[in-house]
Amino acid sequence: MIDEDLKMEMEYYGDEDEIDAYAQEAVIEERLHKDAPMSTREKYRELFLVNDPKVYHKFLKKYYSYSQKISL
């Protein structure tokens, strides 16, 4: 059951559109809520760093790109 849940989560969060949207959200979230207990960026690291590093690096690339473009 847990493996099936993990698989579904990875499929959802690993989608190109979701990576893009969550990278934007992570930048905004970290600028507005620096004390958040589990940030979107940490969620991606936890989910993909070991299981699928390519997806994690795609996320980071977009995250850093948006961090230069988004100002609050």
C-alpha atoms as a PDB file:
ATOM      1  CA  MET A   1       0.000   0.000   0.000  1.00  0.00           C
ATOM      2  CA  ILE A   2       2.740   2.479   0.930  1.00  0.00           C
ATOM      3  CA  ASP A   3       4.701   1.722  -2.249  1.00  0.00           C
ATOM      4  CA  GLU A   4       1.567   2.330  -4.336  1.00  0.00           C
ATOM      5  CA  ASP A   5       0.996   5.666  -2.577  1.00  0.00           C
ATOM      6  CA  LEU A   6       4.612   6.659  -3.160  1.00  0.00           C
ATOM      7  CA  LYS A   7       4.350   5.709  -6.821  1.00  0.00           C
ATOM      8  CA  MET A   8       1.207   7.797  -7.273  1.00  0.00           C
ATOM      9  CA  GLU A   9       2.795  10.752  -5.479  1.00  0.00           C
ATOM     10  CA  MET A  10       5.906  10.553  -7.627  1.00  0.00           C
ATOM     11  CA  GLU A  11       3.855  10.374 -10.816  1.00  0.00           C
ATOM     12  CA  TYR A  12       1.834  13.427  -9.814  1.00  0.00           C
ATOM     13  CA  TYR A  13       4.684  15.597  -8.528  1.00  0.00           C
ATOM     14  CA  GLY A  14       7.020  14.421 -11.303  1.00  0.00           C
ATOM     15  CA  ASP A  15       4.764  15.729 -14.072  1.00  0.00           C
ATOM     16  CA  GLU A  16       6.426  18.602 -15.987  1.00  0.00           C
ATOM     17  CA  ASP A  17       3.534  20.996 -15.364  1.00  0.00           C
ATOM     18  CA  GLU A  18       3.484  20.184 -11.658  1.00  0.00           C
ATOM     19  CA  ILE A  19       7.247  20.650 -11.358  1.00  0.00           C
ATOM     20  CA  ASP A  20       6.889  24.076 -12.931  1.00  0.00           C
ATOM     21  CA  ALA A  21       3.942  25.092 -10.754  1.00  0.00           C
ATOM     22  CA  TYR A  22       5.466  23.806  -7.514  1.00  0.00           C
ATOM     23  CA  ALA A  23       8.805  25.477  -8.259  1.00  0.00           C
ATOM     24  CA  GLN A  24       6.992  28.817  -8.487  1.00  0.00           C
ATOM     25  CA  GLU A  25       5.017  28.022  -5.353  1.00  0.00           C
ATOM     26  CA  ALA A  26       8.198  27.085  -3.476  1.00  0.00           C
ATOM     27  CA  VAL A  27       9.833  30.433  -4.217  1.00  0.00           C
ATOM     28  CA  ILE A  28       6.758  32.393  -3.134  1.00  0.00           C
ATOM     29  CA  GLU A  29       6.196  30.178  -0.105  1.00  0.00           C
ATOM     30  CA  GLU A  30       9.736  30.547   1.178  1.00  0.00           C
ATOM     31  CA  ARG A  31       9.668  34.306   0.779  1.00  0.00           C
ATOM     32  CA  LEU A  32       6.328  34.724   2.520  1.00  0.00           C
ATOM     33  CA  HIS A  33       6.479  31.925   5.106  1.00  0.00           C
ATOM     34  CA  LYS A  34      10.073  31.361   6.115  1.00  0.00           C
ATOM     35  CA  ASP A  35       9.019  29.439   9.233  1.00  0.00           C
ATOM     36  CA  ALA A  36       6.915  26.842   7.401  1.00  0.00           C
ATOM     37  CA  PRO A  37       7.502  23.379   8.936  1.00  0.00           C
ATOM     38  CA  MET A  38       7.611  21.488   5.602  1.00  0.00           C
ATOM     39  CA  SER A  39       8.256  23.615   2.560  1.00  0.00           C
ATOM     40  CA  THR A  40       7.496  22.562  -0.984  1.00  0.00           C
ATOM     41  CA  ARG A  41      11.216  22.495  -1.686  1.00  0.00           C
ATOM     42  CA  GLU A  42      11.765  20.072   1.203  1.00  0.00           C
ATOM     43  CA  LYS A  43       8.870  17.939  -0.028  1.00  0.00           C
ATOM     44  CA  TYR A  44      10.542  17.564  -3.439  1.00  0.00           C
ATOM     45  CA  ARG A  45      13.894  16.792  -1.831  1.00  0.00           C
ATOM     46  CA  GLU A  46      12.344  14.129   0.391  1.00  0.00           C
ATOM     47  CA  LEU A  47      10.346  12.566  -2.422  1.00  0.00           C
ATOM     48  CA  PHE A  48      12.829  12.654  -5.303  1.00  0.00           C
ATOM     49  CA  LEU A  49      16.425  13.103  -4.170  1.00  0.00           C
ATOM     50  CA  VAL A  50      16.917   9.372  -3.623  1.00  0.00           C
ATOM     51  CA  ASN A  51      14.026   7.946  -5.671  1.00  0.00           C
ATOM     52  CA  ASP A  52      14.473   9.980  -8.882  1.00  0.00           C
ATOM     53  CA  PRO A  53      17.271  12.579  -8.759  1.00  0.00           C
ATOM     54  CA  LYS A  54      16.573  13.728 -12.341  1.00  0.00           C
ATOM     55  CA  VAL A  55      13.149  15.022 -11.304  1.00  0.00           C
ATOM     56  CA  TYR A  56      14.624  16.700  -8.236  1.00  0.00           C
ATOM     57  CA  HIS A  57      17.234  18.458 -10.369  1.00  0.00           C
ATOM     58  CA  LYS A  58      14.544  19.605 -12.828  1.00  0.00           C
ATOM     59  CA  PHE A  59      12.654  21.048  -9.885  1.00  0.00           C
ATOM     60  CA  LEU A  60      15.755  22.816  -8.558  1.00  0.00           C
ATOM     61  CA  LYS A  61      16.594  24.241 -11.973  1.00  0.00           C
ATOM     62  CA  LYS A  62      13.111  25.744 -12.246  1.00  0.00           C
ATOM     63  CA  TYR A  63      13.179  26.840  -8.603  1.00  0.00           C
ATOM     64  CA  TYR A  64      16.409  28.803  -9.087  1.00  0.00           C
ATOM     65  CA  SER A  65      15.128  30.256 -12.342  1.00  0.00           C
ATOM     66  CA  TYR A  66      11.956  31.502 -10.652  1.00  0.00           C
ATOM     67  CA  SER A  67      13.874  32.777  -7.635  1.00  0.00           C
ATOM     68  CA  GLN A  68      15.568  35.258  -9.983  1.00  0.00           C
ATOM     69  CA  LYS A  69      12.297  36.289 -11.651  1.00  0.00           C
ATOM     70  CA  ILE A  70       9.824  36.508  -8.760  1.00  0.00           C
ATOM     71  CA  SER A  71      10.014  39.463  -6.437  1.00  0.00           C
ATOM     72  CA  LEU A  72       7.669  40.122  -3.544  1.00  0.00           C
END
